[in-house]
Amino acid sequence: MFIINLTYKTELEKVDQFLSEHIEFLNKQYELGHFLASGRKIPRTGGIILSNITSKETLEKIIEKDPFKKNELADYEFTEFIPSKTCEELKFLIE
């Protein structure tokens, strides 16, 4: 499992120009079962994606399709972790 930390490297006006395409990208990844949660950071300096993909290489290939990545609007940091404790609703995350 990975936490993907997006940090914008351009002004929000430019990010907003590609927001609908980014949301389409996210929707497709949810449909494919690759993403579990996502959202904006506060303050709005980027976003966070929680992915159940187990291979960093596979995840990097997926992220290459993100319009924010393709248009060099954000930097991406990948943090791999193994959930060992969760609330009842998220027990499915424990490997």
PDB file of N, CA and C in Angstrom:
ATOM      1  N   MET A   1       0.845  -1.165   0.000  1.00  0.00           N
ATOM      2  CA  MET A   1       0.000   0.000   0.000  1.00  0.00           C
ATOM      3  C   MET A   1       0.894   1.233   0.000  1.00  0.00           C
ATOM      4  N   PHE A   2       0.417   2.292  -0.668  1.00  0.00           N
ATOM      5  CA  PHE A   2       1.194   3.516  -0.776  1.00  0.00           C
ATOM      6  C   PHE A   2       0.362   4.748  -0.443  1.00  0.00           C
ATOM      7  N   ILE A   3       1.023   5.706   0.175  1.00  0.00           N
ATOM      8  CA  ILE A   3       0.507   7.067   0.278  1.00  0.00           C
ATOM      9  C   ILE A   3       1.245   7.860  -0.790  1.00  0.00           C
ATOM     10  N   ILE A   4       0.502   8.531  -1.644  1.00  0.00           N
ATOM     11  CA  ILE A   4       1.091   9.378  -2.679  1.00  0.00           C
ATOM     12  C   ILE A   4       0.849  10.824  -2.256  1.00  0.00           C
ATOM     13  N   ASN A   5       1.927  11.561  -2.079  1.00  0.00           N
ATOM     14  CA  ASN A   5       1.865  12.946  -1.640  1.00  0.00           C
ATOM     15  C   ASN A   5       2.174  13.839  -2.842  1.00  0.00           C
ATOM     16  N   LEU A   6       1.158  14.555  -3.335  1.00  0.00           N
ATOM     17  CA  LEU A   6       1.334  15.489  -4.444  1.00  0.00           C
ATOM     18  C   LEU A   6       1.589  16.877  -3.880  1.00  0.00           C
ATOM     19  N   THR A   7       2.580  17.555  -4.425  1.00  0.00           N
ATOM     20  CA  THR A   7       2.853  18.938  -4.059  1.00  0.00           C
ATOM     21  C   THR A   7       2.870  19.760  -5.337  1.00  0.00           C
ATOM     22  N   TYR A   8       1.977  20.744  -5.402  1.00  0.00           N
ATOM     23  CA  TYR A   8       1.926  21.589  -6.592  1.00  0.00           C
ATOM     24  C   TYR A   8       3.217  22.372  -6.732  1.00  0.00           C
ATOM     25  N   LYS A   9       3.653  22.530  -7.973  1.00  0.00           N
ATOM     26  CA  LYS A   9       4.851  23.314  -8.230  1.00  0.00           C
ATOM     27  C   LYS A   9       4.558  24.477  -9.175  1.00  0.00           C
ATOM     28  N   THR A  10       3.279  24.833  -9.254  1.00  0.00           N
ATOM     29  CA  THR A  10       2.832  25.956 -10.068  1.00  0.00           C
ATOM     30  C   THR A  10       1.650  26.613  -9.375  1.00  0.00           C
ATOM     31  N   GLU A  11       1.204  27.732  -9.908  1.00  0.00           N
ATOM     32  CA  GLU A  11       0.083  28.463  -9.299  1.00  0.00           C
ATOM     33  C   GLU A  11      -1.230  27.682  -9.465  1.00  0.00           C
ATOM     34  N   LEU A  12      -2.168  27.918  -8.546  1.00  0.00           N
ATOM     35  CA  LEU A  12      -3.436  27.191  -8.544  1.00  0.00           C
ATOM     36  C   LEU A  12      -4.256  27.426  -9.810  1.00  0.00           C
ATOM     37  N   GLU A  13      -4.132  28.589 -10.430  1.00  0.00           N
ATOM     38  CA  GLU A  13      -4.875  28.857 -11.661  1.00  0.00           C
ATOM     39  C   GLU A  13      -4.508  27.843 -12.744  1.00  0.00           C
ATOM     40  N   LYS A  14      -3.239  27.504 -12.824  1.00  0.00           N
ATOM     41  CA  LYS A  14      -2.775  26.511 -13.804  1.00  0.00           C
ATOM     42  C   LYS A  14      -3.273  25.114 -13.413  1.00  0.00           C
ATOM     43  N   VAL A  15      -3.197  24.786 -12.125  1.00  0.00           N
ATOM     44  CA  VAL A  15      -3.694  23.497 -11.631  1.00  0.00           C
ATOM     45  C   VAL A  15      -5.174  23.349 -11.963  1.00  0.00           C
ATOM     46  N   ASP A  16      -5.947  24.410 -11.728  1.00  0.00           N
ATOM     47  CA  ASP A  16      -7.393  24.353 -11.966  1.00  0.00           C
ATOM     48  C   ASP A  16      -7.734  24.121 -13.433  1.00  0.00           C
ATOM     49  N   GLN A  17      -6.857  24.516 -14.347  1.00  0.00           N
ATOM     50  CA  GLN A  17      -7.095  24.279 -15.774  1.00  0.00           C
ATOM     51  C   GLN A  17      -7.127  22.790 -16.101  1.00  0.00           C
ATOM     52  N   PHE A  18      -6.455  21.979 -15.291  1.00  0.00           N
ATOM     53  CA  PHE A  18      -6.371  20.540 -15.540  1.00  0.00           C
ATOM     54  C   PHE A  18      -7.126  19.719 -14.488  1.00  0.00           C
ATOM     55  N   LEU A  19      -7.874  20.389 -13.623  1.00  0.00           N
ATOM     56  CA  LEU A  19      -8.545  19.700 -12.518  1.00  0.00           C
ATOM     57  C   LEU A  19      -9.575  18.678 -13.011  1.00  0.00           C
ATOM     58  N   SER A  20     -10.377  19.032 -14.005  1.00  0.00           N
ATOM     59  CA  SER A  20     -11.391  18.078 -14.474  1.00  0.00           C
ATOM     60  C   SER A  20     -10.744  16.840 -15.085  1.00  0.00           C
ATOM     61  N   GLU A  21      -9.629  17.021 -15.810  1.00  0.00           N
ATOM     62  CA  GLU A  21      -8.911  15.864 -16.367  1.00  0.00           C
ATOM     63  C   GLU A  21      -8.307  15.013 -15.251  1.00  0.00           C
ATOM     64  N   HIS A  22      -7.793  15.662 -14.211  1.00  0.00           N
ATOM     65  CA  HIS A  22      -7.237  14.946 -13.065  1.00  0.00           C
ATOM     66  C   HIS A  22      -8.332  14.127 -12.376  1.00  0.00           C
ATOM     67  N   ILE A  23      -9.502  14.706 -12.223  1.00  0.00           N
ATOM     68  CA  ILE A  23     -10.625  13.993 -11.594  1.00  0.00           C
ATOM     69  C   ILE A  23     -11.037  12.794 -12.444  1.00  0.00           C
ATOM     70  N   GLU A  24     -11.036  12.935 -13.765  1.00  0.00           N
ATOM     71  CA  GLU A  24     -11.323  11.793 -14.649  1.00  0.00           C
ATOM     72  C   GLU A  24     -10.298  10.686 -14.445  1.00  0.00           C
ATOM     73  N   PHE A  25      -9.026  11.064 -14.337  1.00  0.00           N
ATOM     74  CA  PHE A  25      -7.959  10.102 -14.070  1.00  0.00           C
ATOM     75  C   PHE A  25      -8.227   9.379 -12.750  1.00  0.00           C
ATOM     76  N   LEU A  26      -8.542  10.139 -11.703  1.00  0.00           N
ATOM     77  CA  LEU A  26      -8.833   9.535 -10.401  1.00  0.00           C
ATOM     78  C   LEU A  26     -10.014   8.578 -10.502  1.00  0.00           C
ATOM     79  N   ASN A  27     -11.083   9.007 -11.152  1.00  0.00           N
ATOM     80  CA  ASN A  27     -12.276   8.169 -11.277  1.00  0.00           C
ATOM     81  C   ASN A  27     -11.947   6.836 -11.939  1.00  0.00           C
ATOM     82  N   LYS A  28     -11.129   6.874 -12.984  1.00  0.00           N
ATOM     83  CA  LYS A  28     -10.747   5.629 -13.669  1.00  0.00           C
ATOM     84  C   LYS A  28      -9.971   4.711 -12.730  1.00  0.00           C
ATOM     85  N   GLN A  29      -9.054   5.285 -11.939  1.00  0.00           N
ATOM     86  CA  GLN A  29      -8.263   4.471 -11.012  1.00  0.00           C
ATOM     87  C   GLN A  29      -9.133   3.874  -9.902  1.00  0.00           C
ATOM     88  N   TYR A  30     -10.149   4.626  -9.462  1.00  0.00           N
ATOM     89  CA  TYR A  30     -11.103   4.066  -8.491  1.00  0.00           C
ATOM     90  C   TYR A  30     -11.879   2.911  -9.116  1.00  0.00           C
ATOM     91  N   GLU A  31     -12.333   3.088 -10.352  1.00  0.00           N
ATOM     92  CA  GLU A  31     -13.064   2.027 -11.050  1.00  0.00           C
ATOM     93  C   GLU A  31     -12.221   0.765 -11.189  1.00  0.00           C
ATOM     94  N   LEU A  32     -10.923   0.942 -11.421  1.00  0.00           N
ATOM     95  CA  LEU A  32     -10.010  -0.194 -11.566  1.00  0.00           C
ATOM     96  C   LEU A  32      -9.614  -0.798 -10.216  1.00  0.00           C
ATOM     97  N   GLY A  33     -10.000  -0.146  -9.123  1.00  0.00           N
ATOM     98  CA  GLY A  33      -9.683  -0.648  -7.792  1.00  0.00           C
ATOM     99  C   GLY A  33      -8.286  -0.292  -7.317  1.00  0.00           C
ATOM    100  N   HIS A  34      -7.641   0.680  -7.972  1.00  0.00           N
ATOM    101  CA  HIS A  34      -6.265   1.038  -7.616  1.00  0.00           C
ATOM    102  C   HIS A  34      -6.167   2.052  -6.483  1.00  0.00           C
ATOM    103  N   PHE A  35      -7.174   2.913  -6.325  1.00  0.00           N
ATOM    104  CA  PHE A  35      -7.141   3.962  -5.314  1.00  0.00           C
ATOM    105  C   PHE A  35      -8.240   3.722  -4.290  1.00  0.00           C
ATOM    106  N   LEU A  36      -7.930   4.053  -3.028  1.00  0.00           N
ATOM    107  CA  LEU A  36      -8.876   3.861  -1.925  1.00  0.00           C
ATOM    108  C   LEU A  36      -9.427   5.166  -1.382  1.00  0.00           C
ATOM    109  N   ALA A  37      -8.633   6.239  -1.436  1.00  0.00           N
ATOM    110  CA  ALA A  37      -9.048   7.550  -0.935  1.00  0.00           C
ATOM    111  C   ALA A  37      -8.146   8.604  -1.565  1.00  0.00           C
ATOM    112  N   SER A  38      -8.671   9.817  -1.673  1.00  0.00           N
ATOM    113  CA  SER A  38      -7.875  10.922  -2.193  1.00  0.00           C
ATOM    114  C   SER A  38      -8.512  12.228  -1.765  1.00  0.00           C
ATOM    115  N   GLY A  39      -7.716  13.290  -1.801  1.00  0.00           N
ATOM    116  CA  GLY A  39      -8.262  14.595  -1.464  1.00  0.00           C
ATOM    117  C   GLY A  39      -7.196  15.666  -1.428  1.00  0.00           C
ATOM    118  N   ARG A  40      -7.664  16.906  -1.288  1.00  0.00           N
ATOM    119  CA  ARG A  40      -6.793  18.074  -1.242  1.00  0.00           C
ATOM    120  C   ARG A  40      -6.139  18.213   0.120  1.00  0.00           C
ATOM    121  N   LYS A  41      -4.959  18.780   0.110  1.00  0.00           N
ATOM    122  CA  LYS A  41      -4.318  19.196   1.354  1.00  0.00           C
ATOM    123  C   LYS A  41      -4.907  20.549   1.764  1.00  0.00           C
ATOM    124  N   ILE A  42      -4.855  20.822   3.047  1.00  0.00           N
ATOM    125  CA  ILE A  42      -5.252  22.130   3.563  1.00  0.00           C
ATOM    126  C   ILE A  42      -4.064  22.684   4.315  1.00  0.00           C
ATOM    127  N   PRO A  43      -3.486  23.810   3.915  1.00  0.00           N
ATOM    128  CA  PRO A  43      -3.916  24.632   2.789  1.00  0.00           C
ATOM    129  C   PRO A  43      -3.699  23.908   1.466  1.00  0.00           C
ATOM    130  N   ARG A  44      -4.305  24.415   0.417  1.00  0.00           N
ATOM    131  CA  ARG A  44      -4.326  23.740  -0.886  1.00  0.00           C
ATOM    132  C   ARG A  44      -2.975  23.866  -1.595  1.00  0.00           C
ATOM    133  N   THR A  45      -2.044  23.024  -1.169  1.00  0.00           N
ATOM    134  CA  THR A  45      -0.700  22.991  -1.748  1.00  0.00           C
ATOM    135  C   THR A  45      -0.459  21.711  -2.532  1.00  0.00           C
ATOM    136  N   GLY A  46      -1.479  20.865  -2.636  1.00  0.00           N
ATOM    137  CA  GLY A  46      -1.354  19.587  -3.316  1.00  0.00           C
ATOM    138  C   GLY A  46      -2.458  18.653  -2.862  1.00  0.00           C
ATOM    139  N   GLY A  47      -2.153  17.361  -2.865  1.00  0.00           N
ATOM    140  CA  GLY A  47      -3.149  16.369  -2.488  1.00  0.00           C
ATOM    141  C   GLY A  47      -2.511  15.093  -2.000  1.00  0.00           C
ATOM    142  N   ILE A  48      -3.362  14.202  -1.525  1.00  0.00           N
ATOM    143  CA  ILE A  48      -2.946  12.891  -1.022  1.00  0.00           C
ATOM    144  C   ILE A  48      -3.803  11.834  -1.711  1.00  0.00           C
ATOM    145  N   ILE A  49      -3.165  10.739  -2.111  1.00  0.00           N
ATOM    146  CA  ILE A  49      -3.877   9.573  -2.657  1.00  0.00           C
ATOM    147  C   ILE A  49      -3.433   8.354  -1.865  1.00  0.00           C
ATOM    148  N   LEU A  50      -4.376   7.543  -1.470  1.00  0.00           N
ATOM    149  CA  LEU A  50      -4.094   6.266  -0.820  1.00  0.00           C
ATOM    150  C   LEU A  50      -4.351   5.166  -1.840  1.00  0.00           C
ATOM    151  N   SER A  51      -3.315   4.374  -2.131  1.00  0.00           N
ATOM    152  CA  SER A  51      -3.413   3.339  -3.160  1.00  0.00           C
ATOM    153  C   SER A  51      -3.097   1.966  -2.584  1.00  0.00           C
ATOM    154  N   ASN A  52      -3.862   0.971  -3.032  1.00  0.00           N
ATOM    155  CA  ASN A  52      -3.605  -0.402  -2.604  1.00  0.00           C
ATOM    156  C   ASN A  52      -2.708  -1.159  -3.581  1.00  0.00           C
ATOM    157  N   ILE A  53      -2.127  -0.462  -4.546  1.00  0.00           N
ATOM    158  CA  ILE A  53      -1.151  -1.075  -5.455  1.00  0.00           C
ATOM    159  C   ILE A  53       0.057  -1.502  -4.617  1.00  0.00           C
ATOM    160  N   THR A  54       0.576  -2.693  -4.858  1.00  0.00           N
ATOM    161  CA  THR A  54       1.688  -3.196  -4.043  1.00  0.00           C
ATOM    162  C   THR A  54       3.056  -3.009  -4.688  1.00  0.00           C
ATOM    163  N   SER A  55       3.093  -2.667  -5.950  1.00  0.00           N
ATOM    164  CA  SER A  55       4.356  -2.489  -6.662  1.00  0.00           C
ATOM    165  C   SER A  55       4.582  -1.006  -6.948  1.00  0.00           C
ATOM    166  N   LYS A  56       5.702  -0.480  -6.470  1.00  0.00           N
ATOM    167  CA  LYS A  56       6.009   0.928  -6.725  1.00  0.00           C
ATOM    168  C   LYS A  56       6.152   1.193  -8.222  1.00  0.00           C
ATOM    169  N   GLU A  57       6.761   0.278  -8.945  1.00  0.00           N
ATOM    170  CA  GLU A  57       6.949   0.439 -10.378  1.00  0.00           C
ATOM    171  C   GLU A  57       5.600   0.533 -11.100  1.00  0.00           C
ATOM    172  N   THR A  58       4.667  -0.321 -10.728  1.00  0.00           N
ATOM    173  CA  THR A  58       3.325  -0.286 -11.316  1.00  0.00           C
ATOM    174  C   THR A  58       2.640   1.031 -10.989  1.00  0.00           C
ATOM    175  N   LEU A  59       2.743   1.454  -9.749  1.00  0.00           N
ATOM    176  CA  LEU A  59       2.109   2.695  -9.334  1.00  0.00           C
ATOM    177  C   LEU A  59       2.708   3.896 -10.061  1.00  0.00           C
ATOM    178  N   GLU A  60       4.009   3.904 -10.242  1.00  0.00           N
ATOM    179  CA  GLU A  60       4.655   4.997 -10.969  1.00  0.00           C
ATOM    180  C   GLU A  60       4.159   5.066 -12.411  1.00  0.00           C
ATOM    181  N   LYS A  61       3.936   3.917 -13.031  1.00  0.00           N
ATOM    182  CA  LYS A  61       3.408   3.890 -14.399  1.00  0.00           C
ATOM    183  C   LYS A  61       1.984   4.448 -14.449  1.00  0.00           C
ATOM    184  N   ILE A  62       1.196   4.140 -13.434  1.00  0.00           N
ATOM    185  CA  ILE A  62      -0.170   4.673 -13.351  1.00  0.00           C
ATOM    186  C   ILE A  62      -0.126   6.192 -13.193  1.00  0.00           C
ATOM    187  N   ILE A  63       0.716   6.671 -12.301  1.00  0.00           N
ATOM    188  CA  ILE A  63       0.805   8.105 -12.021  1.00  0.00           C
ATOM    189  C   ILE A  63       1.295   8.881 -13.244  1.00  0.00           C
ATOM    190  N   GLU A  64       2.077   8.260 -14.097  1.00  0.00           N
ATOM    191  CA  GLU A  64       2.538   8.923 -15.324  1.00  0.00           C
ATOM    192  C   GLU A  64       1.360   9.372 -16.190  1.00  0.00           C
ATOM    193  N   LYS A  65       0.195   8.747 -16.025  1.00  0.00           N
ATOM    194  CA  LYS A  65      -0.996   9.089 -16.808  1.00  0.00           C
ATOM    195  C   LYS A  65      -1.787  10.247 -16.203  1.00  0.00           C
ATOM    196  N   ASP A  66      -1.449  10.655 -14.981  1.00  0.00           N
ATOM    197  CA  ASP A  66      -2.150  11.746 -14.312  1.00  0.00           C
ATOM    198  C   ASP A  66      -1.861  13.054 -15.049  1.00  0.00           C
ATOM    199  N   PRO A  67      -2.899  13.797 -15.448  1.00  0.00           N
ATOM    200  CA  PRO A  67      -2.670  15.077 -16.127  1.00  0.00           C
ATOM    201  C   PRO A  67      -1.801  16.047 -15.323  1.00  0.00           C
ATOM    202  N   PHE A  68      -1.848  15.995 -14.013  1.00  0.00           N
ATOM    203  CA  PHE A  68      -0.980  16.851 -13.199  1.00  0.00           C
ATOM    204  C   PHE A  68       0.487  16.471 -13.406  1.00  0.00           C
ATOM    205  N   LYS A  69       0.757  15.189 -13.559  1.00  0.00           N
ATOM    206  CA  LYS A  69       2.118  14.701 -13.813  1.00  0.00           C
ATOM    207  C   LYS A  69       2.527  15.003 -15.255  1.00  0.00           C
ATOM    208  N   LYS A  70       1.648  14.685 -16.199  1.00  0.00           N
ATOM    209  CA  LYS A  70       1.946  14.883 -17.621  1.00  0.00           C
ATOM    210  C   LYS A  70       2.232  16.342 -17.946  1.00  0.00           C
ATOM    211  N   ASN A  71       1.591  17.250 -17.235  1.00  0.00           N
ATOM    212  CA  ASN A  71       1.768  18.679 -17.493  1.00  0.00           C
ATOM    213  C   ASN A  71       2.707  19.350 -16.493  1.00  0.00           C
ATOM    214  N   GLU A  72       3.434  18.516 -15.738  1.00  0.00           N
ATOM    215  CA  GLU A  72       4.457  18.986 -14.790  1.00  0.00           C
ATOM    216  C   GLU A  72       3.929  20.023 -13.818  1.00  0.00           C
ATOM    217  N   LEU A  73       2.734  19.747 -13.265  1.00  0.00           N
ATOM    218  CA  LEU A  73       2.104  20.656 -12.313  1.00  0.00           C
ATOM    219  C   LEU A  73       2.381  20.285 -10.863  1.00  0.00           C
ATOM    220  N   ALA A  74       2.817  19.043 -10.632  1.00  0.00           N
ATOM    221  CA  ALA A  74       3.013  18.575  -9.262  1.00  0.00           C
ATOM    222  C   ALA A  74       4.189  17.619  -9.180  1.00  0.00           C
ATOM    223  N   ASP A  75       4.804  17.607  -8.004  1.00  0.00           N
ATOM    224  CA  ASP A  75       5.802  16.591  -7.668  1.00  0.00           C
ATOM    225  C   ASP A  75       5.089  15.499  -6.891  1.00  0.00           C
ATOM    226  N   TYR A  76       5.576  14.275  -6.993  1.00  0.00           N
ATOM    227  CA  TYR A  76       4.948  13.113  -6.355  1.00  0.00           C
ATOM    228  C   TYR A  76       5.953  12.418  -5.450  1.00  0.00           C
ATOM    229  N   GLU A  77       5.527  12.161  -4.224  1.00  0.00           N
ATOM    230  CA  GLU A  77       6.341  11.402  -3.277  1.00  0.00           C
ATOM    231  C   GLU A  77       5.555  10.146  -2.907  1.00  0.00           C
ATOM    232  N   PHE A  78       6.214   8.995  -2.965  1.00  0.00           N
ATOM    233  CA  PHE A  78       5.576   7.711  -2.678  1.00  0.00           C
ATOM    234  C   PHE A  78       6.093   7.181  -1.336  1.00  0.00           C
ATOM    235  N   THR A  79       5.174   6.874  -0.430  1.00  0.00           N
ATOM    236  CA  THR A  79       5.531   6.279   0.852  1.00  0.00           C
ATOM    237  C   THR A  79       4.819   4.939   0.967  1.00  0.00           C
ATOM    238  N   GLU A  80       5.601   3.875   1.010  1.00  0.00           N
ATOM    239  CA  GLU A  80       5.021   2.534   1.152  1.00  0.00           C
ATOM    240  C   GLU A  80       4.834   2.224   2.626  1.00  0.00           C
ATOM    241  N   PHE A  81       3.705   1.604   2.953  1.00  0.00           N
ATOM    242  CA  PHE A  81       3.499   1.173   4.332  1.00  0.00           C
ATOM    243  C   PHE A  81       2.592  -0.054   4.364  1.00  0.00           C
ATOM    244  N   ILE A  82       2.672  -0.767   5.465  1.00  0.00           N
ATOM    245  CA  ILE A  82       1.847  -1.957   5.676  1.00  0.00           C
ATOM    246  C   ILE A  82       0.955  -1.683   6.878  1.00  0.00           C
ATOM    247  N   PRO A  83      -0.355  -1.533   6.657  1.00  0.00           N
ATOM    248  CA  PRO A  83      -1.259  -1.306   7.790  1.00  0.00           C
ATOM    249  C   PRO A  83      -1.232  -2.506   8.737  1.00  0.00           C
ATOM    250  N   SER A  84      -1.087  -2.224  10.009  1.00  0.00           N
ATOM    251  CA  SER A  84      -1.097  -3.295  11.005  1.00  0.00           C
ATOM    252  C   SER A  84      -2.241  -3.134  11.997  1.00  0.00           C
ATOM    253  N   LYS A  85      -2.883  -1.981  12.000  1.00  0.00           N
ATOM    254  CA  LYS A  85      -4.016  -1.742  12.894  1.00  0.00           C
ATOM    255  C   LYS A  85      -4.953  -0.753  12.213  1.00  0.00           C
ATOM    256  N   THR A  86      -6.263  -1.032  12.284  1.00  0.00           N
ATOM    257  CA  THR A  86      -7.262  -0.147  11.677  1.00  0.00           C
ATOM    258  C   THR A  86      -8.541  -0.198  12.512  1.00  0.00           C
ATOM    259  N   CYS A  87      -9.457   0.706  12.187  1.00  0.00           N
ATOM    260  CA  CYS A  87     -10.805   0.616  12.744  1.00  0.00           C
ATOM    261  C   CYS A  87     -11.519  -0.547  12.034  1.00  0.00           C
ATOM    262  N   GLU A  88     -12.657  -0.944  12.546  1.00  0.00           N
ATOM    263  CA  GLU A  88     -13.395  -2.077  11.980  1.00  0.00           C
ATOM    264  C   GLU A  88     -13.699  -1.890  10.493  1.00  0.00           C
ATOM    265  N   GLU A  89     -14.084  -0.672  10.101  1.00  0.00           N
ATOM    266  CA  GLU A  89     -14.476  -0.417   8.718  1.00  0.00           C
ATOM    267  C   GLU A  89     -13.325  -0.586   7.731  1.00  0.00           C
ATOM    268  N   LEU A  90     -12.087  -0.497   8.220  1.00  0.00           N
ATOM    269  CA  LEU A  90     -10.939  -0.586   7.325  1.00  0.00           C
ATOM    270  C   LEU A  90     -10.111  -1.855   7.530  1.00  0.00           C
ATOM    271  N   LYS A  91     -10.669  -2.839   8.193  1.00  0.00           N
ATOM    272  CA  LYS A  91      -9.945  -4.101   8.444  1.00  0.00           C
ATOM    273  C   LYS A  91      -9.459  -4.758   7.160  1.00  0.00           C
ATOM    274  N   PHE A  92     -10.153  -4.518   6.059  1.00  0.00           N
ATOM    275  CA  PHE A  92      -9.741  -5.121   4.779  1.00  0.00           C
ATOM    276  C   PHE A  92      -8.349  -4.653   4.345  1.00  0.00           C
ATOM    277  N   LEU A  93      -7.839  -3.566   4.912  1.00  0.00           N
ATOM    278  CA  LEU A  93      -6.521  -3.043   4.537  1.00  0.00           C
ATOM    279  C   LEU A  93      -5.362  -3.829   5.146  1.00  0.00           C
ATOM    280  N   ILE A  94      -5.634  -4.555   6.211  1.00  0.00           N
ATOM    281  CA  ILE A  94      -4.569  -5.286   6.891  1.00  0.00           C
ATOM    282  C   ILE A  94      -4.157  -6.476   6.048  1.00  0.00           C
ATOM    283  N   GLU A  95      -2.865  -6.551   5.780  1.00  0.00           N
ATOM    284  CA  GLU A  95      -2.342  -7.650   4.949  1.00  0.00           C
ATOM    285  C   GLU A  95      -2.056  -8.867   5.778  1.00  0.00           C
TER     286      GLU A  95
END
